[in-house]
């Protein structure tokens, strides 16, 4: 089985220099080639998600919650295979 390629980006839509807190404004953004496989793997390990995978013109995404309630966005850009 092939490992999915992923890269990590910090994403903040709030004020710069603010203190991060679990309200959805600050989050890590992980790009992946196979969001479905990554979600299945994480769900199998007991991960919690806010909602299901959503699709838009930029790609597909889902919001994963870490144990403290912080968000991690899993994102597959449009135009990538799978």
N, C-alpha and C. Protein backbone atom coordinates (compact mmCIF):
# COMPACT_ATOMS: atom_id res chain seq x y z
N UNK A 1 0.83 -1.16 0.00
CA UNK A 1 0.00 0.00 0.00
C UNK A 1 0.89 1.24 0.00
N UNK A 2 0.57 2.23 -0.83
CA UNK A 2 1.35 3.46 -0.96
C UNK A 2 0.97 4.42 0.15
N UNK A 3 1.98 5.07 0.74
CA UNK A 3 1.73 6.10 1.75
C UNK A 3 1.26 7.38 1.07
N UNK A 4 0.31 8.07 1.66
CA UNK A 4 -0.18 9.34 1.12
C UNK A 4 0.86 10.42 1.37
N UNK A 5 1.04 11.31 0.41
CA UNK A 5 1.93 12.44 0.56
C UNK A 5 1.20 13.53 1.32
N UNK A 6 1.86 14.15 2.29
CA UNK A 6 1.23 15.21 3.07
C UNK A 6 2.23 16.33 3.33
N UNK A 7 1.74 17.56 3.41
CA UNK A 7 2.58 18.69 3.82
C UNK A 7 1.81 19.49 4.86
N UNK A 8 2.52 20.19 5.73
CA UNK A 8 1.92 20.89 6.85
C UNK A 8 2.03 22.39 6.66
N UNK A 9 0.92 23.11 6.85
CA UNK A 9 0.86 24.56 6.73
C UNK A 9 0.09 25.09 7.93
N UNK A 10 0.53 26.20 8.51
CA UNK A 10 -0.22 26.84 9.59
C UNK A 10 -1.24 27.78 8.98
N UNK A 11 -2.47 27.71 9.42
CA UNK A 11 -3.56 28.49 8.85
C UNK A 11 -4.22 29.30 9.96
N UNK A 12 -4.26 30.61 9.83
CA UNK A 12 -4.88 31.46 10.85
C UNK A 12 -5.73 32.51 10.18
N UNK A 13 -7.01 32.55 10.50
CA UNK A 13 -7.89 33.56 9.93
C UNK A 13 -8.18 34.68 10.93
N UNK A 14 -7.62 34.58 12.13
CA UNK A 14 -7.82 35.61 13.15
C UNK A 14 -6.71 36.65 13.11
N UNK A 15 -6.59 37.44 14.19
CA UNK A 15 -5.55 38.46 14.28
C UNK A 15 -4.18 37.81 14.35
N UNK A 16 -3.21 38.38 13.64
CA UNK A 16 -1.85 37.87 13.74
C UNK A 16 -1.29 38.26 15.10
N UNK A 17 -0.48 37.38 15.66
CA UNK A 17 0.11 37.63 16.96
C UNK A 17 -0.80 37.28 18.12
N UNK A 18 -2.01 36.81 17.84
CA UNK A 18 -2.93 36.44 18.90
C UNK A 18 -2.56 35.10 19.51
N UNK A 19 -3.13 34.82 20.65
CA UNK A 19 -2.90 33.55 21.32
C UNK A 19 -3.85 32.51 20.73
N UNK A 20 -3.32 31.39 20.19
CA UNK A 20 -4.19 30.35 19.62
C UNK A 20 -5.08 29.71 20.70
N UNK A 21 -6.32 29.42 20.36
CA UNK A 21 -7.22 28.70 21.24
C UNK A 21 -8.19 27.90 20.38
N UNK A 22 -8.82 26.85 20.97
CA UNK A 22 -9.64 25.93 20.18
C UNK A 22 -11.00 26.50 19.78
N UNK A 23 -11.01 27.56 18.96
CA UNK A 23 -12.27 28.12 18.49
C UNK A 23 -12.43 28.01 16.98
N UNK A 24 -11.46 27.39 16.31
CA UNK A 24 -11.55 27.20 14.87
C UNK A 24 -10.87 28.27 14.05
N UNK A 25 -10.36 29.32 14.68
CA UNK A 25 -9.70 30.38 13.92
C UNK A 25 -8.27 30.03 13.58
N UNK A 26 -7.59 29.32 14.44
CA UNK A 26 -6.21 28.90 14.20
C UNK A 26 -6.20 27.40 14.05
N UNK A 27 -5.51 26.92 13.04
CA UNK A 27 -5.44 25.48 12.86
C UNK A 27 -4.27 25.12 11.96
N UNK A 28 -3.86 23.87 12.07
CA UNK A 28 -2.89 23.33 11.14
C UNK A 28 -3.64 22.90 9.90
N UNK A 29 -2.99 22.98 8.79
CA UNK A 29 -3.58 22.64 7.49
C UNK A 29 -2.64 21.59 6.89
N UNK A 30 -3.13 20.39 6.70
CA UNK A 30 -2.32 19.31 6.13
C UNK A 30 -2.87 18.98 4.76
N UNK A 31 -2.02 19.12 3.74
CA UNK A 31 -2.40 18.75 2.37
C UNK A 31 -2.06 17.28 2.16
N UNK A 32 -2.97 16.58 1.51
CA UNK A 32 -2.77 15.16 1.25
C UNK A 32 -3.26 14.82 -0.15
N UNK A 33 -2.70 13.78 -0.73
CA UNK A 33 -3.14 13.31 -2.04
C UNK A 33 -4.36 12.42 -1.94
N UNK A 34 -4.66 11.90 -0.75
CA UNK A 34 -5.75 10.95 -0.58
C UNK A 34 -6.48 11.21 0.74
N UNK A 35 -7.35 12.21 0.74
CA UNK A 35 -8.06 12.60 1.96
C UNK A 35 -8.98 11.47 2.45
N UNK A 36 -9.58 10.72 1.56
CA UNK A 36 -10.48 9.64 1.97
C UNK A 36 -9.72 8.57 2.76
N UNK A 37 -8.58 8.18 2.25
CA UNK A 37 -7.79 7.14 2.92
C UNK A 37 -7.29 7.64 4.27
N UNK A 38 -6.83 8.88 4.32
CA UNK A 38 -6.34 9.45 5.57
C UNK A 38 -7.46 9.52 6.61
N UNK A 39 -8.64 9.94 6.20
CA UNK A 39 -9.79 10.01 7.12
C UNK A 39 -10.16 8.61 7.61
N UNK A 40 -10.21 7.63 6.71
CA UNK A 40 -10.53 6.26 7.12
C UNK A 40 -9.53 5.74 8.14
N UNK A 41 -8.24 6.00 7.91
CA UNK A 41 -7.20 5.56 8.84
C UNK A 41 -7.36 6.22 10.20
N UNK A 42 -7.58 7.53 10.20
CA UNK A 42 -7.73 8.25 11.46
C UNK A 42 -9.01 7.87 12.20
N UNK A 43 -10.11 7.69 11.47
CA UNK A 43 -11.36 7.24 12.12
C UNK A 43 -11.17 5.88 12.76
N UNK A 44 -10.44 5.00 12.06
CA UNK A 44 -10.16 3.67 12.60
C UNK A 44 -9.36 3.72 13.89
N UNK A 45 -8.59 4.80 14.06
CA UNK A 45 -7.79 4.98 15.27
C UNK A 45 -8.54 5.77 16.35
N UNK A 46 -9.82 6.11 16.07
CA UNK A 46 -10.65 6.79 17.05
C UNK A 46 -10.65 8.31 16.97
N UNK A 47 -10.17 8.88 15.87
CA UNK A 47 -10.14 10.34 15.72
C UNK A 47 -11.55 10.91 15.62
N UNK A 48 -11.71 12.15 16.10
CA UNK A 48 -12.99 12.86 16.05
C UNK A 48 -12.95 13.94 14.98
N UNK A 49 -14.02 14.04 14.21
CA UNK A 49 -14.13 15.04 13.15
C UNK A 49 -15.34 15.92 13.42
N UNK A 50 -15.25 17.19 13.01
CA UNK A 50 -16.39 18.12 13.21
C UNK A 50 -17.54 17.78 12.29
N UNK A 51 -17.26 17.56 11.03
CA UNK A 51 -18.28 17.24 10.02
C UNK A 51 -17.66 16.27 9.03
N UNK A 52 -18.41 15.91 7.99
CA UNK A 52 -17.89 15.05 6.96
C UNK A 52 -17.01 15.83 5.98
N UNK A 53 -16.49 15.12 5.00
CA UNK A 53 -15.66 15.74 3.97
C UNK A 53 -16.54 16.67 3.13
N UNK A 54 -16.07 17.88 2.90
CA UNK A 54 -16.77 18.83 2.05
C UNK A 54 -15.95 19.08 0.79
N UNK A 55 -16.64 19.38 -0.31
CA UNK A 55 -15.97 19.62 -1.59
C UNK A 55 -16.31 21.01 -2.09
N UNK A 56 -15.33 21.66 -2.70
CA UNK A 56 -15.51 22.97 -3.28
C UNK A 56 -14.60 23.13 -4.48
N UNK A 57 -14.55 24.31 -5.04
CA UNK A 57 -13.72 24.53 -6.23
C UNK A 57 -12.24 24.39 -5.94
N UNK A 58 -11.81 24.67 -4.70
CA UNK A 58 -10.39 24.57 -4.34
C UNK A 58 -9.97 23.14 -4.03
N UNK A 59 -10.92 22.28 -3.68
CA UNK A 59 -10.58 20.90 -3.35
C UNK A 59 -11.54 20.32 -2.33
N UNK A 60 -11.06 19.31 -1.58
CA UNK A 60 -11.88 18.62 -0.58
C UNK A 60 -11.20 18.76 0.77
N UNK A 61 -12.02 18.93 1.82
CA UNK A 61 -11.45 19.10 3.15
C UNK A 61 -12.33 18.51 4.23
N UNK A 62 -11.72 18.31 5.39
CA UNK A 62 -12.44 17.87 6.59
C UNK A 62 -11.68 18.42 7.78
N UNK A 63 -12.39 18.70 8.87
CA UNK A 63 -11.77 19.24 10.08
C UNK A 63 -11.70 18.16 11.15
N UNK A 64 -10.49 17.85 11.55
CA UNK A 64 -10.18 16.88 12.58
C UNK A 64 -9.97 17.64 13.88
N UNK A 65 -10.46 17.10 15.02
CA UNK A 65 -10.24 17.73 16.32
C UNK A 65 -9.19 16.93 17.09
N UNK A 66 -8.18 17.64 17.62
CA UNK A 66 -7.22 16.95 18.47
C UNK A 66 -7.83 16.79 19.87
N UNK A 67 -7.18 16.07 20.78
CA UNK A 67 -7.78 15.82 22.10
C UNK A 67 -8.12 17.08 22.89
N UNK A 68 -7.48 18.22 22.57
CA UNK A 68 -7.76 19.48 23.27
C UNK A 68 -8.83 20.31 22.55
N UNK A 69 -9.34 19.82 21.43
CA UNK A 69 -10.36 20.55 20.68
C UNK A 69 -9.81 21.45 19.60
N UNK A 70 -8.49 21.47 19.42
CA UNK A 70 -7.89 22.26 18.34
C UNK A 70 -8.19 21.61 17.00
N UNK A 71 -8.34 22.42 15.97
CA UNK A 71 -8.67 21.91 14.65
C UNK A 71 -7.43 21.65 13.81
N UNK A 72 -7.50 20.59 13.03
CA UNK A 72 -6.50 20.25 12.03
C UNK A 72 -7.26 20.03 10.74
N UNK A 73 -6.99 20.85 9.75
CA UNK A 73 -7.68 20.72 8.45
C UNK A 73 -6.92 19.76 7.56
N UNK A 74 -7.61 18.73 7.09
CA UNK A 74 -7.04 17.80 6.11
C UNK A 74 -7.59 18.24 4.76
N UNK A 75 -6.71 18.50 3.81
CA UNK A 75 -7.10 19.13 2.56
C UNK A 75 -6.46 18.46 1.36
N UNK A 76 -7.27 18.17 0.35
CA UNK A 76 -6.77 17.66 -0.93
C UNK A 76 -7.12 18.69 -1.99
N UNK A 77 -6.10 19.39 -2.54
CA UNK A 77 -6.36 20.40 -3.56
C UNK A 77 -7.02 19.79 -4.79
N UNK A 78 -7.86 20.59 -5.44
CA UNK A 78 -8.51 20.16 -6.68
C UNK A 78 -7.43 19.87 -7.73
N UNK A 79 -7.72 18.91 -8.57
CA UNK A 79 -6.80 18.58 -9.65
C UNK A 79 -5.81 17.49 -9.33
N UNK A 80 -5.72 17.08 -8.08
CA UNK A 80 -4.85 15.96 -7.72
C UNK A 80 -5.60 14.67 -7.93
N UNK A 81 -4.87 13.62 -8.28
CA UNK A 81 -5.52 12.32 -8.50
C UNK A 81 -6.16 11.84 -7.20
N UNK A 82 -7.21 11.04 -7.35
CA UNK A 82 -8.01 10.47 -6.26
C UNK A 82 -9.01 11.45 -5.84
